[in-house]
C-alpha cells in the first residue's frame, strides 16, 4: 500500500469506489476527473490534459469514444481510442456545463489545464474525508487494468487500452491478491488422485523371480 508517496498505489474495491465517488469527491468536476481516469484507465497526466473537443461533440453530447492523443501520452508513441463507458458518459454529461472551452478540465482562472499535482491534492483531501488510505492518482489506472485482467480480458486487448507497448510493463500494473493465489492452488484439486476409482483392468506390477533348480531333480529319482 502506498504511504507518503512510497509503495504501490492501492487497488480500489467496488465499495471503496462507491464511497469515494459518493462522499469523498464532492463536485461534478472532481467526480468527472477521476471517473475519466478510472473508466479509461488513463494516466493522470493524460486525464488532466484532455481536450473538450475530444469528449463532447458540437451539440455538447458525450462522444461514444474518447480519444487520448499521442502528444499527451507517455512517450508519445501512439493515440488511443477508448469506448465511452456508461458510467463515464453519465459523469461527463453532468459535468458539461462546467467544462472548459479548450481543455476539459481547465486550470485555475481558466489558464491551461488542471495540474496533476492539483488533482493529487483534490484526491488526498477526498480520501482524508472518508478515511481511505493508500490511494493515489495512479490507483484508478491500476484498478481499471486489474479489473479487466480479473474479468479474463486478454492481455493484448488490455495493452491496447492502456497504451503499453511491452506486455512485461503491463504486468507491473496488475495486482495478484492472496485470494487469487489461494484459488489457484485450490484449482489443483482437479489433479488429485485421492478417492479416484481404481480400475480392475489395471494389473499391479509383478516382480520377476528366478527359480533355482532342485539338485535332486537332476538325478531323476
C-alpha atoms as a PDB file:
ATOM      1  CA  UNK A   1       0.000   0.000   0.000  1.00  0.00           C
ATOM      2  CA  UNK A   2       1.204   3.481  -0.808  1.00  0.00           C
ATOM      3  CA  UNK A   3       2.070   5.759   2.097  1.00  0.00           C
ATOM      4  CA  UNK A   4       3.798   9.144   1.953  1.00  0.00           C
ATOM      5  CA  UNK A   5       4.436   8.601  -1.776  1.00  0.00           C
ATOM      6  CA  UNK A   6       6.151   5.276  -1.129  1.00  0.00           C
ATOM      7  CA  UNK A   7       4.884   1.856  -2.171  1.00  0.00           C
ATOM      8  CA  UNK A   8       2.335   0.901  -4.816  1.00  0.00           C
ATOM      9  CA  UNK A   9      -0.953   2.688  -5.404  1.00  0.00           C
ATOM     10  CA  UNK A  10      -3.900   0.909  -3.821  1.00  0.00           C
ATOM     11  CA  UNK A  11      -6.304  -1.131  -5.945  1.00  0.00           C
ATOM     12  CA  UNK A  12      -9.792   0.117  -5.138  1.00  0.00           C
ATOM     13  CA  UNK A  13     -12.635  -2.254  -4.292  1.00  0.00           C
ATOM     14  CA  UNK A  14     -16.189  -1.706  -5.530  1.00  0.00           C
ATOM     15  CA  UNK A  15     -17.252  -0.470  -2.078  1.00  0.00           C
ATOM     16  CA  UNK A  16     -14.328   1.952  -1.904  1.00  0.00           C
ATOM     17  CA  UNK A  17     -15.120   3.337  -5.354  1.00  0.00           C
ATOM     18  CA  UNK A  18     -18.745   3.885  -4.360  1.00  0.00           C
ATOM     19  CA  UNK A  19     -17.719   5.590  -1.118  1.00  0.00           C
ATOM     20  CA  UNK A  20     -15.144   7.784  -2.830  1.00  0.00           C
ATOM     21  CA  UNK A  21     -17.470   8.983  -5.583  1.00  0.00           C
ATOM     22  CA  UNK A  22     -20.493   9.454  -3.338  1.00  0.00           C
ATOM     23  CA  UNK A  23     -18.903  11.057  -0.280  1.00  0.00           C
ATOM     24  CA  UNK A  24     -15.209  11.751  -0.874  1.00  0.00           C
ATOM     25  CA  UNK A  25     -15.321  13.644  -4.164  1.00  0.00           C
ATOM     26  CA  UNK A  26     -17.829  16.445  -3.709  1.00  0.00           C
ATOM     27  CA  UNK A  27     -18.023  18.320  -7.021  1.00  0.00           C
ATOM     28  CA  UNK A  28     -19.102  17.326 -10.523  1.00  0.00           C
ATOM     29  CA  UNK A  29     -15.650  18.298 -11.786  1.00  0.00           C
ATOM     30  CA  UNK A  30     -13.810  16.096  -9.313  1.00  0.00           C
ATOM     31  CA  UNK A  31     -16.061  13.116  -9.993  1.00  0.00           C
ATOM     32  CA  UNK A  32     -15.679  13.583 -13.753  1.00  0.00           C
ATOM     33  CA  UNK A  33     -11.906  13.988 -13.415  1.00  0.00           C
ATOM     34  CA  UNK A  34     -11.294  10.763 -11.545  1.00  0.00           C
ATOM     35  CA  UNK A  35     -14.133   8.978 -13.296  1.00  0.00           C
ATOM     36  CA  UNK A  36     -12.341   9.636 -16.560  1.00  0.00           C
ATOM     37  CA  UNK A  37      -9.117   8.180 -15.118  1.00  0.00           C
ATOM     38  CA  UNK A  38     -10.990   5.100 -13.868  1.00  0.00           C
ATOM     39  CA  UNK A  39     -13.184   4.304 -16.864  1.00  0.00           C
ATOM     40  CA  UNK A  40     -10.497   4.848 -19.496  1.00  0.00           C
ATOM     41  CA  UNK A  41      -7.526   3.510 -17.467  1.00  0.00           C
ATOM     42  CA  UNK A  42      -5.748   6.750 -18.378  1.00  0.00           C
ATOM     43  CA  UNK A  43      -2.737   8.188 -16.611  1.00  0.00           C
ATOM     44  CA  UNK A  44      -3.451  11.302 -14.558  1.00  0.00           C
ATOM     45  CA  UNK A  45      -1.369  13.463 -16.940  1.00  0.00           C
ATOM     46  CA  UNK A  46      -3.451  12.214 -19.863  1.00  0.00           C
ATOM     47  CA  UNK A  47      -6.657  12.875 -17.959  1.00  0.00           C
ATOM     48  CA  UNK A  48      -5.729  16.396 -16.927  1.00  0.00           C
ATOM     49  CA  UNK A  49      -4.720  17.391 -20.459  1.00  0.00           C
ATOM     50  CA  UNK A  50      -7.818  16.066 -22.257  1.00  0.00           C
ATOM     51  CA  UNK A  51      -9.322  18.402 -24.830  1.00  0.00           C
ATOM     52  CA  UNK A  52     -13.026  19.204 -24.554  1.00  0.00           C
ATOM     53  CA  UNK A  53     -13.445  18.644 -28.310  1.00  0.00           C
ATOM     54  CA  UNK A  54     -12.299  15.028 -27.881  1.00  0.00           C
ATOM     55  CA  UNK A  55     -15.016  14.438 -25.277  1.00  0.00           C
ATOM     56  CA  UNK A  56     -18.057  16.449 -26.451  1.00  0.00           C
ATOM     57  CA  UNK A  57     -19.467  16.986 -29.936  1.00  0.00           C
ATOM     58  CA  UNK A  58     -20.670  20.387 -31.204  1.00  0.00           C
ATOM     59  CA  UNK A  59     -24.054  19.861 -29.529  1.00  0.00           C
ATOM     60  CA  UNK A  60     -22.493  19.111 -26.160  1.00  0.00           C
ATOM     61  CA  UNK A  61     -23.184  15.409 -26.304  1.00  0.00           C
ATOM     62  CA  UNK A  62     -20.619  12.980 -24.910  1.00  0.00           C
ATOM     63  CA  UNK A  63     -18.818  11.230 -27.727  1.00  0.00           C
ATOM     64  CA  UNK A  64     -19.137   7.433 -27.980  1.00  0.00           C
ATOM     65  CA  UNK A  65     -15.338   7.161 -27.927  1.00  0.00           C
ATOM     66  CA  UNK A  66     -12.667   9.031 -26.003  1.00  0.00           C
ATOM     67  CA  UNK A  67      -9.504   9.906 -27.917  1.00  0.00           C
ATOM     68  CA  UNK A  68      -6.300  10.182 -25.899  1.00  0.00           C
ATOM     69  CA  UNK A  69      -3.978  11.981 -28.245  1.00  0.00           C
ATOM     70  CA  UNK A  70      -0.469  10.788 -28.969  1.00  0.00           C
ATOM     71  CA  UNK A  71       1.057  14.092 -27.881  1.00  0.00           C
ATOM     72  CA  UNK A  72      -0.377  13.699 -24.380  1.00  0.00           C
ATOM     73  CA  UNK A  73       0.642  10.074 -23.849  1.00  0.00           C
ATOM     74  CA  UNK A  74       3.739   8.827 -22.073  1.00  0.00           C
ATOM     75  CA  UNK A  75       6.482   8.509 -24.660  1.00  0.00           C
ATOM     76  CA  UNK A  76       4.139   9.973 -27.289  1.00  0.00           C
ATOM     77  CA  UNK A  77       4.093   6.639 -29.113  1.00  0.00           C
ATOM     78  CA  UNK A  78       0.501   6.406 -30.304  1.00  0.00           C
ATOM     79  CA  UNK A  79      -3.002   7.796 -29.820  1.00  0.00           C
ATOM     80  CA  UNK A  80      -5.611   5.610 -28.122  1.00  0.00           C
ATOM     81  CA  UNK A  81      -9.340   5.379 -28.737  1.00  0.00           C
ATOM     82  CA  UNK A  82     -11.376   4.174 -25.763  1.00  0.00           C
ATOM     83  CA  UNK A  83     -15.095   3.350 -25.983  1.00  0.00           C
ATOM     84  CA  UNK A  84     -17.068   5.505 -23.545  1.00  0.00           C
ATOM     85  CA  UNK A  85     -18.367   3.506 -20.590  1.00  0.00           C
ATOM     86  CA  UNK A  86     -21.944   4.165 -19.475  1.00  0.00           C
ATOM     87  CA  UNK A  87     -20.833   5.433 -16.053  1.00  0.00           C
ATOM     88  CA  UNK A  88     -18.332   7.796 -17.634  1.00  0.00           C
ATOM     89  CA  UNK A  89     -20.950   9.145 -20.020  1.00  0.00           C
ATOM     90  CA  UNK A  90     -23.188   9.969 -17.067  1.00  0.00           C
ATOM     91  CA  UNK A  91     -20.392  11.752 -15.182  1.00  0.00           C
ATOM     92  CA  UNK A  92     -19.345  13.781 -18.234  1.00  0.00           C
ATOM     93  CA  UNK A  93     -22.938  14.733 -19.043  1.00  0.00           C
ATOM     94  CA  UNK A  94     -23.397  16.174 -15.559  1.00  0.00           C
ATOM     95  CA  UNK A  95     -20.058  17.964 -15.810  1.00  0.00           C
ATOM     96  CA  UNK A  96     -20.658  19.510 -19.258  1.00  0.00           C
ATOM     97  CA  UNK A  97     -21.911  22.959 -18.040  1.00  0.00           C
ATOM     98  CA  UNK A  98     -18.645  23.372 -16.117  1.00  0.00           C
ATOM     99  CA  UNK A  99     -16.264  22.008 -18.760  1.00  0.00           C
ATOM    100  CA  UNK A 100     -13.597  24.228 -20.278  1.00  0.00           C
ATOM    101  CA  UNK A 101     -13.795  25.537 -23.814  1.00  0.00           C
ATOM    102  CA  UNK A 102     -10.409  24.179 -24.843  1.00  0.00           C
ATOM    103  CA  UNK A 103      -9.289  21.832 -22.078  1.00  0.00           C
ATOM    104  CA  UNK A 104     -11.822  19.520 -20.484  1.00  0.00           C
ATOM    105  CA  UNK A 105     -10.521  20.351 -17.015  1.00  0.00           C
ATOM    106  CA  UNK A 106      -9.240  23.951 -17.088  1.00  0.00           C
ATOM    107  CA  UNK A 107      -6.654  25.190 -14.628  1.00  0.00           C
ATOM    108  CA  UNK A 108      -7.004  27.975 -12.108  1.00  0.00           C
ATOM    109  CA  UNK A 109      -8.503  31.134 -13.558  1.00  0.00           C
ATOM    110  CA  UNK A 110      -9.100  29.261 -16.801  1.00  0.00           C
ATOM    111  CA  UNK A 111      -5.417  29.080 -17.691  1.00  0.00           C
ATOM    112  CA  UNK A 112      -4.254  25.887 -19.377  1.00  0.00           C
ATOM    113  CA  UNK A 113      -5.434  22.631 -17.821  1.00  0.00           C
ATOM    114  CA  UNK A 114      -5.571  21.471 -14.238  1.00  0.00           C
ATOM    115  CA  UNK A 115      -2.147  20.404 -12.998  1.00  0.00           C
ATOM    116  CA  UNK A 116      -1.656  16.743 -11.978  1.00  0.00           C
ATOM    117  CA  UNK A 117      -0.364  17.918  -8.588  1.00  0.00           C
ATOM    118  CA  UNK A 118      -3.624  19.802  -8.047  1.00  0.00           C
ATOM    119  CA  UNK A 119      -5.543  16.645  -8.945  1.00  0.00           C
ATOM    120  CA  UNK A 120      -3.454  14.698  -6.420  1.00  0.00           C
ATOM    121  CA  UNK A 121      -4.304  17.242  -3.720  1.00  0.00           C
ATOM    122  CA  UNK A 122      -8.019  17.008  -4.512  1.00  0.00           C
ATOM    123  CA  UNK A 123      -7.849  13.226  -4.207  1.00  0.00           C
ATOM    124  CA  UNK A 124      -5.864  13.348  -0.991  1.00  0.00           C
ATOM    125  CA  UNK A 125      -8.482  15.611   0.607  1.00  0.00           C
ATOM    126  CA  UNK A 126     -11.291  13.350  -0.616  1.00  0.00           C
ATOM    127  CA  UNK A 127      -9.620  10.259   0.849  1.00  0.00           C
ATOM    128  CA  UNK A 128      -8.994  12.005   4.160  1.00  0.00           C
ATOM    129  CA  UNK A 129     -12.670  12.911   4.232  1.00  0.00           C
ATOM    130  CA  UNK A 130     -13.722   9.250   4.169  1.00  0.00           C
ATOM    131  CA  UNK A 131     -10.696   7.699   5.920  1.00  0.00           C
ATOM    132  CA  UNK A 132      -9.296   5.898   2.878  1.00  0.00           C
ATOM    133  CA  UNK A 133      -5.549   5.186   2.911  1.00  0.00           C
ATOM    134  CA  UNK A 134      -3.032   4.162   0.262  1.00  0.00           C
ATOM    135  CA  UNK A 135      -4.848   5.785  -2.667  1.00  0.00           C
ATOM    136  CA  UNK A 136      -3.054   7.904  -5.256  1.00  0.00           C
ATOM    137  CA  UNK A 137      -3.984   9.237  -8.685  1.00  0.00           C
ATOM    138  CA  UNK A 138      -2.399   6.078 -10.097  1.00  0.00           C
ATOM    139  CA  UNK A 139      -4.904   3.897  -8.227  1.00  0.00           C
ATOM    140  CA  UNK A 140      -7.582   4.447 -10.864  1.00  0.00           C
ATOM    141  CA  UNK A 141      -5.420   3.176 -13.702  1.00  0.00           C
ATOM    142  CA  UNK A 142      -4.221   0.164 -11.687  1.00  0.00           C
ATOM    143  CA  UNK A 143      -7.771  -0.602 -10.571  1.00  0.00           C
ATOM    144  CA  UNK A 144      -9.148  -0.481 -14.117  1.00  0.00           C
ATOM    145  CA  UNK A 145      -6.423  -2.673 -15.599  1.00  0.00           C
ATOM    146  CA  UNK A 146      -6.601  -5.201 -12.766  1.00  0.00           C
ATOM    147  CA  UNK A 147     -10.385  -5.401 -13.093  1.00  0.00           C
ATOM    148  CA  UNK A 148     -10.081  -6.159 -16.805  1.00  0.00           C
ATOM    149  CA  UNK A 149      -7.469  -8.832 -16.090  1.00  0.00           C
ATOM    150  CA  UNK A 150      -9.679 -10.409 -13.407  1.00  0.00           C
ATOM    151  CA  UNK A 151     -12.541 -10.470 -15.927  1.00  0.00           C
ATOM    152  CA  UNK A 152     -10.406 -12.612 -18.235  1.00  0.00           C
ATOM    153  CA  UNK A 153      -9.768  -9.946 -20.872  1.00  0.00           C
ATOM    154  CA  UNK A 154      -6.702 -10.973 -22.955  1.00  0.00           C
ATOM    155  CA  UNK A 155      -3.556  -9.030 -22.124  1.00  0.00           C
ATOM    156  CA  UNK A 156      -3.131  -7.840 -25.715  1.00  0.00           C
ATOM    157  CA  UNK A 157      -6.567  -6.182 -25.513  1.00  0.00           C
ATOM    158  CA  UNK A 158      -5.783  -4.607 -22.152  1.00  0.00           C
ATOM    159  CA  UNK A 159      -2.478  -3.342 -23.556  1.00  0.00           C
ATOM    160  CA  UNK A 160      -4.307  -1.634 -26.412  1.00  0.00           C
ATOM    161  CA  UNK A 161      -6.445   0.222 -23.879  1.00  0.00           C
ATOM    162  CA  UNK A 162      -3.582   1.061 -21.533  1.00  0.00           C
ATOM    163  CA  UNK A 163      -1.137   2.030 -24.275  1.00  0.00           C
ATOM    164  CA  UNK A 164       1.583  -0.376 -23.161  1.00  0.00           C
ATOM    165  CA  UNK A 165       3.853  -1.472 -25.977  1.00  0.00           C
ATOM    166  CA  UNK A 166       5.518  -4.106 -23.813  1.00  0.00           C
ATOM    167  CA  UNK A 167       3.360  -6.686 -22.020  1.00  0.00           C
ATOM    168  CA  UNK A 168       6.022  -7.080 -19.330  1.00  0.00           C
ATOM    169  CA  UNK A 169       5.387  -3.457 -18.336  1.00  0.00           C
ATOM    170  CA  UNK A 170       1.671  -4.133 -18.161  1.00  0.00           C
ATOM    171  CA  UNK A 171       2.224  -6.984 -15.699  1.00  0.00           C
ATOM    172  CA  UNK A 172       3.600  -4.474 -13.188  1.00  0.00           C
ATOM    173  CA  UNK A 173       0.188  -2.784 -13.043  1.00  0.00           C
ATOM    174  CA  UNK A 174      -1.812  -5.918 -12.359  1.00  0.00           C
ATOM    175  CA  UNK A 175      -2.272  -6.915  -8.757  1.00  0.00           C
ATOM    176  CA  UNK A 176      -2.252 -10.546  -7.658  1.00  0.00           C
ATOM    177  CA  UNK A 177      -4.326 -10.808  -4.492  1.00  0.00           C
ATOM    178  CA  UNK A 178      -3.918 -13.503  -1.795  1.00  0.00           C
ATOM    179  CA  UNK A 179      -7.365 -14.939  -2.505  1.00  0.00           C
ATOM    180  CA  UNK A 180      -6.368 -15.377  -6.154  1.00  0.00           C
ATOM    181  CA  UNK A 181      -3.268 -17.315  -5.126  1.00  0.00           C
ATOM    182  CA  UNK A 182      -5.389 -19.483  -2.813  1.00  0.00           C
ATOM    183  CA  UNK A 183      -7.847 -20.034  -5.639  1.00  0.00           C
ATOM    184  CA  UNK A 184      -5.043 -21.025  -7.984  1.00  0.00           C
ATOM    185  CA  UNK A 185      -3.766 -23.637  -5.537  1.00  0.00           C
ATOM    186  CA  UNK A 186      -7.312 -24.849  -4.843  1.00  0.00           C
ATOM    187  CA  UNK A 187      -7.760 -25.443  -8.562  1.00  0.00           C
ATOM    188  CA  UNK A 188      -5.085 -28.151  -8.334  1.00  0.00           C
ATOM    189  CA  UNK A 189      -7.638 -30.346  -6.555  1.00  0.00           C
ATOM    190  CA  UNK A 190      -8.736 -31.419 -10.017  1.00  0.00           C
ATOM    191  CA  UNK A 191      -5.442 -33.239 -10.274  1.00  0.00           C
ATOM    192  CA  UNK A 192      -5.937 -35.132  -7.012  1.00  0.00           C
ATOM    193  CA  UNK A 193      -5.598 -38.919  -7.014  1.00  0.00           C
ATOM    194  CA  UNK A 194      -7.304 -39.250  -3.633  1.00  0.00           C
ATOM    195  CA  UNK A 195     -10.621 -41.066  -3.850  1.00  0.00           C
ATOM    196  CA  UNK A 196     -10.243 -41.821  -7.544  1.00  0.00           C
ATOM    197  CA  UNK A 197     -11.649 -45.075  -8.959  1.00  0.00           C
ATOM    198  CA  UNK A 198      -9.112 -47.876  -9.288  1.00  0.00           C
ATOM    199  CA  UNK A 199      -9.832 -49.766 -12.448  1.00  0.00           C
ATOM    200  CA  UNK A 200      -9.781 -53.583 -12.231  1.00  0.00           C
ATOM    201  CA  UNK A 201      -8.206 -53.994 -15.634  1.00  0.00           C
ATOM    202  CA  UNK A 202      -5.038 -52.331 -14.450  1.00  0.00           C
ATOM    203  CA  UNK A 203      -2.921 -55.160 -13.098  1.00  0.00           C
ATOM    204  CA  UNK A 204      -0.481 -54.396 -10.277  1.00  0.00           C
ATOM    205  CA  UNK A 205       3.150 -54.674 -11.242  1.00  0.00           C
ATOM    206  CA  UNK A 206       4.783 -58.060 -10.507  1.00  0.00           C
ATOM    207  CA  UNK A 207       8.361 -58.705  -9.597  1.00  0.00           C
ATOM    208  CA  UNK A 208      10.054 -61.359 -11.662  1.00  0.00           C
ATOM    209  CA  UNK A 209      11.868 -64.068  -9.715  1.00  0.00           C
ATOM    210  CA  UNK A 210      14.426 -66.634 -10.762  1.00  0.00           C
ATOM    211  CA  UNK A 211      13.607 -70.167  -9.546  1.00  0.00           C
ATOM    212  CA  UNK A 212      16.634 -72.178  -8.510  1.00  0.00           C
ATOM    213  CA  UNK A 213      16.739 -75.753  -9.856  1.00  0.00           C
ATOM    214  CA  UNK A 214      16.458 -78.592  -7.336  1.00  0.00           C
ATOM    215  CA  UNK A 215      19.754 -80.520  -7.453  1.00  0.00           C
ATOM    216  CA  UNK A 216      17.944 -83.779  -6.590  1.00  0.00           C
ATOM    217  CA  UNK A 217      15.622 -83.407  -9.528  1.00  0.00           C
ATOM    218  CA  UNK A 218      18.587 -83.652 -11.847  1.00  0.00           C
ATOM    219  CA  UNK A 219      19.202 -87.274 -10.709  1.00  0.00           C
ATOM    220  CA  UNK A 220      15.753 -88.240 -11.896  1.00  0.00           C
ATOM    221  CA  UNK A 221      14.974 -90.065  -8.531  1.00  0.00           C
END
